[in-house]
Amino acid sequence: MKIETIRKEILQKLGIVPNQFITKVAEDSIIIEEEKNKGDNNLLQKVIINNVPVNNIQIWLLDFEMQVKGFTPSSKTVEKVIVTLENNVLTFFMVELKNSIKHQLPNAGKISTLNQINGKFDDSISRIFFLLTFNNHHDWINFKKWKVKFKGIVFYNKQIQSGRNEKTRICEIITSNEKKGPVECNSTFLGTQKIKVKFIKNTEEKNELEIDFSDLNS
């Protein structure tokens, strides 16, 4: 088999792969669950996002936790990615669920919770860039002109502070009053990317949280 043939067939197969973990959102609510927390009512298990504007803009849901043989990387990604298309801008909301966030310097050889979250944003962005390169969108002429934006959304129940806070940007954000701000992420393919990150606390600290879609952008 010639290399040209291999490349052509692989690209065709790769164009089909995303269909296994990308779904079009048709309902006005999105449910994101943390599978490993199920069964423990003391942990954050589910986030319900209401009033999703499916009648006004196009929205998709990427399930990066779904395993696709021969494609799924070993790197750690966020739970889900909500993708919106509005005014020729693709916005990727990278959603992570955490029961507790400890923002302190870790012990030797360990990675802090906040650095783990930042790393998940890094890996998720890299995977999204990879997906965009072999997209087989039917309207490629318009697709190639769309702009791309990233936002990190972290839902959490508890915030555990320490006198030994790590001196990182993401730590500064969660310890601020607004709980949001810009963070630099390192993508595998295109280097440093600046994204907006927002922490949303489940004030009742229960296993379920309901919010409005507009809260992701506020």
C-alpha atoms as a PDB file:
ATOM      1  CA  MET A   1       0.000   0.000   0.000  1.00  0.00           C
ATOM      2  CA  LYS A   2       1.358   3.416  -0.955  1.00  0.00           C
ATOM      3  CA  ILE A   3       1.842   6.137   1.660  1.00  0.00           C
ATOM      4  CA  GLU A   4      -0.525   8.378  -0.304  1.00  0.00           C
ATOM      5  CA  THR A   5      -3.277   5.739  -0.033  1.00  0.00           C
ATOM      6  CA  ILE A   6      -2.622   5.198   3.679  1.00  0.00           C
ATOM      7  CA  ARG A   7      -2.843   8.942   4.363  1.00  0.00           C
ATOM      8  CA  LYS A   8      -6.087   9.295   2.402  1.00  0.00           C
ATOM      9  CA  GLU A   9      -7.788   6.357   4.113  1.00  0.00           C
ATOM     10  CA  ILE A  10      -6.619   7.338   7.601  1.00  0.00           C
ATOM     11  CA  LEU A  11      -7.926  10.890   7.139  1.00  0.00           C
ATOM     12  CA  GLN A  12     -11.273   9.499   6.029  1.00  0.00           C
ATOM     13  CA  LYS A  13     -11.424   7.250   9.100  1.00  0.00           C
ATOM     14  CA  LEU A  14     -10.371  10.110  11.388  1.00  0.00           C
ATOM     15  CA  GLY A  15     -13.206  12.176   9.989  1.00  0.00           C
ATOM     16  CA  ILE A  16     -15.616   9.536  11.321  1.00  0.00           C
ATOM     17  CA  VAL A  17     -14.015   9.098  14.760  1.00  0.00           C
ATOM     18  CA  PRO A  18     -15.394  12.323  16.318  1.00  0.00           C
ATOM     19  CA  ASN A  19     -18.940  11.130  15.716  1.00  0.00           C
ATOM     20  CA  GLN A  20     -18.353   8.622  18.505  1.00  0.00           C
ATOM     21  CA  PHE A  21     -17.948  11.283  21.184  1.00  0.00           C
ATOM     22  CA  ILE A  22     -19.455  14.467  19.695  1.00  0.00           C
ATOM     23  CA  THR A  23     -23.221  14.958  19.934  1.00  0.00           C
ATOM     24  CA  LYS A  24     -25.426  17.838  18.857  1.00  0.00           C
ATOM     25  CA  VAL A  25     -27.294  19.399  21.776  1.00  0.00           C
ATOM     26  CA  ALA A  26     -31.015  19.572  21.026  1.00  0.00           C
ATOM     27  CA  GLU A  27     -32.480  19.947  24.527  1.00  0.00           C
ATOM     28  CA  ASP A  28     -32.454  23.126  26.608  1.00  0.00           C
ATOM     29  CA  SER A  29     -30.473  21.485  29.417  1.00  0.00           C
ATOM     30  CA  ILE A  30     -27.117  19.724  29.618  1.00  0.00           C
ATOM     31  CA  ILE A  31     -26.235  17.211  32.343  1.00  0.00           C
ATOM     32  CA  ILE A  32     -22.589  16.625  33.244  1.00  0.00           C
ATOM     33  CA  GLU A  33     -21.788  13.827  35.682  1.00  0.00           C
ATOM     34  CA  GLU A  34     -18.669  12.703  37.505  1.00  0.00           C
ATOM     35  CA  GLU A  35     -18.909   8.924  37.266  1.00  0.00           C
ATOM     36  CA  LYS A  36     -16.357   8.156  39.968  1.00  0.00           C
ATOM     37  CA  ASN A  37     -18.350  10.171  42.532  1.00  0.00           C
ATOM     38  CA  LYS A  38     -21.627   8.322  41.980  1.00  0.00           C
ATOM     39  CA  GLY A  39     -23.011   6.645  45.050  1.00  0.00           C
ATOM     40  CA  ASP A  40     -21.419   9.054  47.520  1.00  0.00           C
ATOM     41  CA  ASN A  41     -23.829  11.834  48.491  1.00  0.00           C
ATOM     42  CA  ASN A  42     -21.000  13.819  50.056  1.00  0.00           C
ATOM     43  CA  LEU A  43     -19.311  14.358  46.702  1.00  0.00           C
ATOM     44  CA  LEU A  44     -20.241  16.524  43.715  1.00  0.00           C
ATOM     45  CA  GLN A  45     -21.782  14.091  41.239  1.00  0.00           C
ATOM     46  CA  LYS A  46     -23.846  16.106  38.792  1.00  0.00           C
ATOM     47  CA  VAL A  47     -24.108  19.583  37.256  1.00  0.00           C
ATOM     48  CA  ILE A  48     -27.283  20.543  35.387  1.00  0.00           C
ATOM     49  CA  ILE A  49     -26.985  23.485  33.010  1.00  0.00           C
ATOM     50  CA  ASN A  50     -30.409  24.953  32.212  1.00  0.00           C
ATOM     51  CA  ASN A  51     -31.728  27.388  29.611  1.00  0.00           C
ATOM     52  CA  VAL A  52     -29.295  26.289  26.937  1.00  0.00           C
ATOM     53  CA  PRO A  53     -30.054  28.521  23.898  1.00  0.00           C
ATOM     54  CA  VAL A  54     -30.376  25.692  21.360  1.00  0.00           C
ATOM     55  CA  ASN A  55     -32.899  27.670  19.309  1.00  0.00           C
ATOM     56  CA  ASN A  56     -30.526  30.575  18.801  1.00  0.00           C
ATOM     57  CA  ILE A  57     -27.079  29.052  18.336  1.00  0.00           C
ATOM     58  CA  GLN A  58     -25.557  25.693  17.441  1.00  0.00           C
ATOM     59  CA  ILE A  59     -24.230  23.701  20.407  1.00  0.00           C
ATOM     60  CA  TRP A  60     -22.374  20.394  20.683  1.00  0.00           C
ATOM     61  CA  LEU A  61     -21.116  18.273  23.577  1.00  0.00           C
ATOM     62  CA  LEU A  62     -17.730  16.554  23.503  1.00  0.00           C
ATOM     63  CA  ASP A  63     -17.260  13.569  25.799  1.00  0.00           C
ATOM     64  CA  PHE A  64     -13.496  13.272  26.174  1.00  0.00           C
ATOM     65  CA  GLU A  65     -13.864  10.519  28.772  1.00  0.00           C
ATOM     66  CA  MET A  66     -15.281   8.150  26.167  1.00  0.00           C
ATOM     67  CA  GLN A  67     -12.605   5.681  25.092  1.00  0.00           C
ATOM     68  CA  VAL A  68     -12.079   5.379  21.343  1.00  0.00           C
ATOM     69  CA  LYS A  69      -9.711   2.529  20.462  1.00  0.00           C
ATOM     70  CA  GLY A  70      -6.576   3.699  18.674  1.00  0.00           C
ATOM     71  CA  PHE A  71      -7.381   7.346  19.221  1.00  0.00           C
ATOM     72  CA  THR A  72      -7.967   8.189  22.894  1.00  0.00           C
ATOM     73  CA  PRO A  73      -4.742   9.552  24.419  1.00  0.00           C
ATOM     74  CA  SER A  74      -3.453   8.615  27.862  1.00  0.00           C
ATOM     75  CA  SER A  75      -3.314  12.269  28.919  1.00  0.00           C
ATOM     76  CA  LYS A  76      -5.876  13.645  31.362  1.00  0.00           C
ATOM     77  CA  THR A  77      -8.646  15.788  29.913  1.00  0.00           C
ATOM     78  CA  VAL A  78     -11.669  17.554  31.388  1.00  0.00           C
ATOM     79  CA  GLU A  79     -14.992  15.767  31.927  1.00  0.00           C
ATOM     80  CA  LYS A  80     -16.884  17.388  29.062  1.00  0.00           C
ATOM     81  CA  VAL A  81     -16.513  20.178  26.531  1.00  0.00           C
ATOM     82  CA  ILE A  82     -19.507  22.296  25.516  1.00  0.00           C
ATOM     83  CA  VAL A  83     -19.020  23.817  22.059  1.00  0.00           C
ATOM     84  CA  THR A  84     -21.027  26.784  20.830  1.00  0.00           C
ATOM     85  CA  LEU A  85     -21.065  28.376  17.385  1.00  0.00           C
ATOM     86  CA  GLU A  86     -22.175  31.985  17.317  1.00  0.00           C
ATOM     87  CA  ASN A  87     -21.209  34.780  14.924  1.00  0.00           C
ATOM     88  CA  ASN A  88     -18.547  32.575  13.287  1.00  0.00           C
ATOM     89  CA  VAL A  89     -16.836  31.919  16.636  1.00  0.00           C
ATOM     90  CA  LEU A  90     -16.412  28.405  18.049  1.00  0.00           C
ATOM     91  CA  THR A  91     -16.219  28.651  21.841  1.00  0.00           C
ATOM     92  CA  PHE A  92     -15.029  25.573  23.728  1.00  0.00           C
ATOM     93  CA  PHE A  93     -16.202  25.506  27.362  1.00  0.00           C
ATOM     94  CA  MET A  94     -13.935  22.947  29.032  1.00  0.00           C
ATOM     95  CA  VAL A  95     -15.894  21.701  32.055  1.00  0.00           C
ATOM     96  CA  GLU A  96     -14.273  20.107  35.094  1.00  0.00           C
ATOM     97  CA  LEU A  97     -16.035  18.850  38.262  1.00  0.00           C
ATOM     98  CA  LYS A  98     -14.191  18.827  41.586  1.00  0.00           C
ATOM     99  CA  ASN A  99     -15.573  17.995  44.997  1.00  0.00           C
ATOM    100  CA  SER A 100     -12.775  19.864  46.764  1.00  0.00           C
ATOM    101  CA  ILE A 101      -9.950  22.104  45.617  1.00  0.00           C
ATOM    102  CA  LYS A 102      -6.803  22.330  47.709  1.00  0.00           C
ATOM    103  CA  HIS A 103      -4.757  25.326  46.713  1.00  0.00           C
ATOM    104  CA  GLN A 104      -1.537  24.719  48.563  1.00  0.00           C
ATOM    105  CA  LEU A 105       1.942  23.598  47.695  1.00  0.00           C
ATOM    106  CA  PRO A 106       1.945  19.806  47.295  1.00  0.00           C
ATOM    107  CA  ASN A 107       4.344  17.418  48.950  1.00  0.00           C
ATOM    108  CA  ALA A 108       7.478  16.490  47.036  1.00  0.00           C
ATOM    109  CA  GLY A 109       6.730  14.443  43.936  1.00  0.00           C
ATOM    110  CA  LYS A 110       3.021  15.307  43.904  1.00  0.00           C
ATOM    111  CA  ILE A 111       0.961  17.707  41.790  1.00  0.00           C
ATOM    112  CA  SER A 112      -1.475  20.094  43.438  1.00  0.00           C
ATOM    113  CA  THR A 113      -5.188  20.058  42.593  1.00  0.00           C
ATOM    114  CA  LEU A 114      -4.941  23.390  40.770  1.00  0.00           C
ATOM    115  CA  ASN A 115      -1.963  22.276  38.692  1.00  0.00           C
ATOM    116  CA  GLN A 116      -3.898  19.124  37.785  1.00  0.00           C
ATOM    117  CA  ILE A 117      -6.795  21.271  36.578  1.00  0.00           C
ATOM    118  CA  ASN A 118      -4.461  23.498  34.571  1.00  0.00           C
ATOM    119  CA  GLY A 119      -2.909  20.375  33.052  1.00  0.00           C
ATOM    120  CA  LYS A 120      -6.332  19.078  32.029  1.00  0.00           C
ATOM    121  CA  PHE A 121      -6.975  22.352  30.220  1.00  0.00           C
ATOM    122  CA  ASP A 122      -3.593  21.966  28.465  1.00  0.00           C
ATOM    123  CA  ASP A 123      -4.360  18.444  27.265  1.00  0.00           C
ATOM    124  CA  SER A 124      -7.959  19.248  26.294  1.00  0.00           C
ATOM    125  CA  ILE A 125      -6.854  22.190  24.149  1.00  0.00           C
ATOM    126  CA  SER A 126      -4.266  20.007  22.425  1.00  0.00           C
ATOM    127  CA  ARG A 127      -6.876  17.371  21.658  1.00  0.00           C
ATOM    128  CA  ILE A 128      -9.330  19.986  20.352  1.00  0.00           C
ATOM    129  CA  PHE A 129      -6.660  21.405  18.025  1.00  0.00           C
ATOM    130  CA  PHE A 130      -6.030  17.875  16.760  1.00  0.00           C
ATOM    131  CA  LEU A 131      -9.740  17.323  16.112  1.00  0.00           C
ATOM    132  CA  LEU A 132     -10.045  20.582  14.190  1.00  0.00           C
ATOM    133  CA  THR A 133      -7.361  19.550  11.704  1.00  0.00           C
ATOM    134  CA  PHE A 134      -9.347  16.635  10.278  1.00  0.00           C
ATOM    135  CA  ASN A 135     -12.846  18.000  10.624  1.00  0.00           C
ATOM    136  CA  ASN A 136     -14.960  16.901   7.641  1.00  0.00           C
ATOM    137  CA  HIS A 137     -17.557  19.645   8.016  1.00  0.00           C
ATOM    138  CA  HIS A 138     -19.868  19.882   5.023  1.00  0.00           C
ATOM    139  CA  ASP A 139     -19.390  23.643   4.819  1.00  0.00           C
ATOM    140  CA  TRP A 140     -15.594  23.738   4.869  1.00  0.00           C
ATOM    141  CA  ILE A 141     -15.353  27.147   3.138  1.00  0.00           C
ATOM    142  CA  ASN A 142     -17.099  28.765   6.122  1.00  0.00           C
ATOM    143  CA  PHE A 143     -15.637  26.413   8.706  1.00  0.00           C
ATOM    144  CA  LYS A 144     -12.018  27.315   7.955  1.00  0.00           C
ATOM    145  CA  LYS A 145     -12.752  30.990   8.648  1.00  0.00           C
ATOM    146  CA  TRP A 146     -14.317  30.486  12.061  1.00  0.00           C
ATOM    147  CA  LYS A 147     -12.402  31.768  15.078  1.00  0.00           C
ATOM    148  CA  VAL A 148     -11.706  29.604  18.132  1.00  0.00           C
ATOM    149  CA  LYS A 149     -11.941  30.598  21.808  1.00  0.00           C
ATOM    150  CA  PHE A 150     -11.403  28.548  24.960  1.00  0.00           C
ATOM    151  CA  LYS A 151     -12.929  28.901  28.418  1.00  0.00           C
ATOM    152  CA  GLY A 152     -12.282  26.752  31.466  1.00  0.00           C
ATOM    153  CA  ILE A 153     -15.213  26.172  33.838  1.00  0.00           C
ATOM    154  CA  VAL A 154     -14.574  24.461  37.176  1.00  0.00           C
ATOM    155  CA  PHE A 155     -17.502  23.433  39.391  1.00  0.00           C
ATOM    156  CA  TYR A 156     -16.583  22.577  42.978  1.00  0.00           C
ATOM    157  CA  ASN A 157     -18.068  22.023  46.431  1.00  0.00           C
ATOM    158  CA  LYS A 158     -15.275  22.875  48.853  1.00  0.00           C
ATOM    159  CA  GLN A 159     -12.236  25.112  48.849  1.00  0.00           C
ATOM    160  CA  ILE A 160      -9.455  24.073  51.210  1.00  0.00           C
ATOM    161  CA  GLN A 161      -7.008  26.880  51.905  1.00  0.00           C
ATOM    162  CA  SER A 162      -3.525  26.777  53.319  1.00  0.00           C
ATOM    163  CA  GLY A 163      -0.834  29.123  54.534  1.00  0.00           C
ATOM    164  CA  ARG A 164       1.439  27.662  51.869  1.00  0.00           C
ATOM    165  CA  ASN A 165      -0.458  28.773  48.758  1.00  0.00           C
ATOM    166  CA  GLU A 166       1.240  28.046  45.473  1.00  0.00           C
ATOM    167  CA  LYS A 167       2.290  31.122  43.516  1.00  0.00           C
ATOM    168  CA  THR A 168       0.444  30.325  40.303  1.00  0.00           C
ATOM    169  CA  ARG A 169      -2.025  32.314  38.239  1.00  0.00           C
ATOM    170  CA  ILE A 170      -4.811  29.753  38.641  1.00  0.00           C
ATOM    171  CA  CYS A 171      -4.348  29.897  42.424  1.00  0.00           C
ATOM    172  CA  GLU A 172      -4.654  33.691  42.315  1.00  0.00           C
ATOM    173  CA  ILE A 173      -7.973  33.309  40.485  1.00  0.00           C
ATOM    174  CA  ILE A 174      -9.662  30.936  42.923  1.00  0.00           C
ATOM    175  CA  THR A 175      -8.511  33.005  45.908  1.00  0.00           C
ATOM    176  CA  SER A 176      -9.883  36.200  44.339  1.00  0.00           C
ATOM    177  CA  ASN A 177     -13.364  37.567  44.972  1.00  0.00           C
ATOM    178  CA  GLU A 178     -14.489  37.197  41.345  1.00  0.00           C
ATOM    179  CA  LYS A 179     -13.173  33.631  40.953  1.00  0.00           C
ATOM    180  CA  LYS A 180     -12.391  34.244  37.278  1.00  0.00           C
ATOM    181  CA  GLY A 181      -9.570  35.496  35.095  1.00  0.00           C
ATOM    182  CA  PRO A 182      -7.059  34.649  32.341  1.00  0.00           C
ATOM    183  CA  VAL A 183      -4.699  31.673  32.529  1.00  0.00           C
ATOM    184  CA  GLU A 184      -1.935  30.536  30.185  1.00  0.00           C
ATOM    185  CA  CYS A 185      -2.127  26.960  28.904  1.00  0.00           C
ATOM    186  CA  ASN A 186       0.506  25.019  26.999  1.00  0.00           C
ATOM    187  CA  SER A 187      -0.820  23.178  23.951  1.00  0.00           C
ATOM    188  CA  THR A 188       1.180  20.412  22.344  1.00  0.00           C
ATOM    189  CA  PHE A 189       0.860  21.751  18.819  1.00  0.00           C
ATOM    190  CA  LEU A 190       0.535  25.539  18.993  1.00  0.00           C
ATOM    191  CA  GLY A 191       2.365  26.541  22.143  1.00  0.00           C
ATOM    192  CA  THR A 192       1.002  28.879  24.798  1.00  0.00           C
ATOM    193  CA  GLN A 193      -2.678  29.767  24.678  1.00  0.00           C
ATOM    194  CA  LYS A 194      -4.356  32.318  26.946  1.00  0.00           C
ATOM    195  CA  ILE A 195      -7.828  31.252  28.100  1.00  0.00           C
ATOM    196  CA  LYS A 196     -10.438  32.529  30.547  1.00  0.00           C
ATOM    197  CA  VAL A 197     -11.090  30.382  33.609  1.00  0.00           C
ATOM    198  CA  LYS A 198     -14.051  30.610  35.966  1.00  0.00           C
ATOM    199  CA  PHE A 199     -14.616  28.754  39.240  1.00  0.00           C
ATOM    200  CA  ILE A 200     -18.264  28.171  40.204  1.00  0.00           C
ATOM    201  CA  LYS A 201     -18.892  27.042  43.781  1.00  0.00           C
ATOM    202  CA  ASN A 202     -21.768  24.791  44.753  1.00  0.00           C
ATOM    203  CA  THR A 203     -22.686  26.859  47.805  1.00  0.00           C
ATOM    204  CA  GLU A 204     -24.834  24.161  49.378  1.00  0.00           C
ATOM    205  CA  GLU A 205     -22.019  21.631  48.910  1.00  0.00           C
ATOM    206  CA  LYS A 206     -24.476  18.912  47.879  1.00  0.00           C
ATOM    207  CA  ASN A 207     -24.018  16.197  45.269  1.00  0.00           C
ATOM    208  CA  GLU A 208     -25.929  18.170  42.629  1.00  0.00           C
ATOM    209  CA  LEU A 209     -25.745  21.711  41.264  1.00  0.00           C
ATOM    210  CA  GLU A 210     -28.072  23.557  38.883  1.00  0.00           C
ATOM    211  CA  ILE A 211     -27.044  26.709  37.043  1.00  0.00           C
ATOM    212  CA  ASP A 212     -28.114  28.755  34.051  1.00  0.00           C
ATOM    213  CA  PHE A 213     -26.198  28.557  30.786  1.00  0.00           C
ATOM    214  CA  SER A 214     -25.624  32.313  30.958  1.00  0.00           C
ATOM    215  CA  ASP A 215     -23.543  31.763  34.113  1.00  0.00           C
ATOM    216  CA  LEU A 216     -20.800  30.231  31.961  1.00  0.00           C
ATOM    217  CA  ASN A 217     -20.232  33.566  30.253  1.00  0.00           C
ATOM    218  CA  SER A 218     -20.860  35.957  33.125  1.00  0.00           C
END
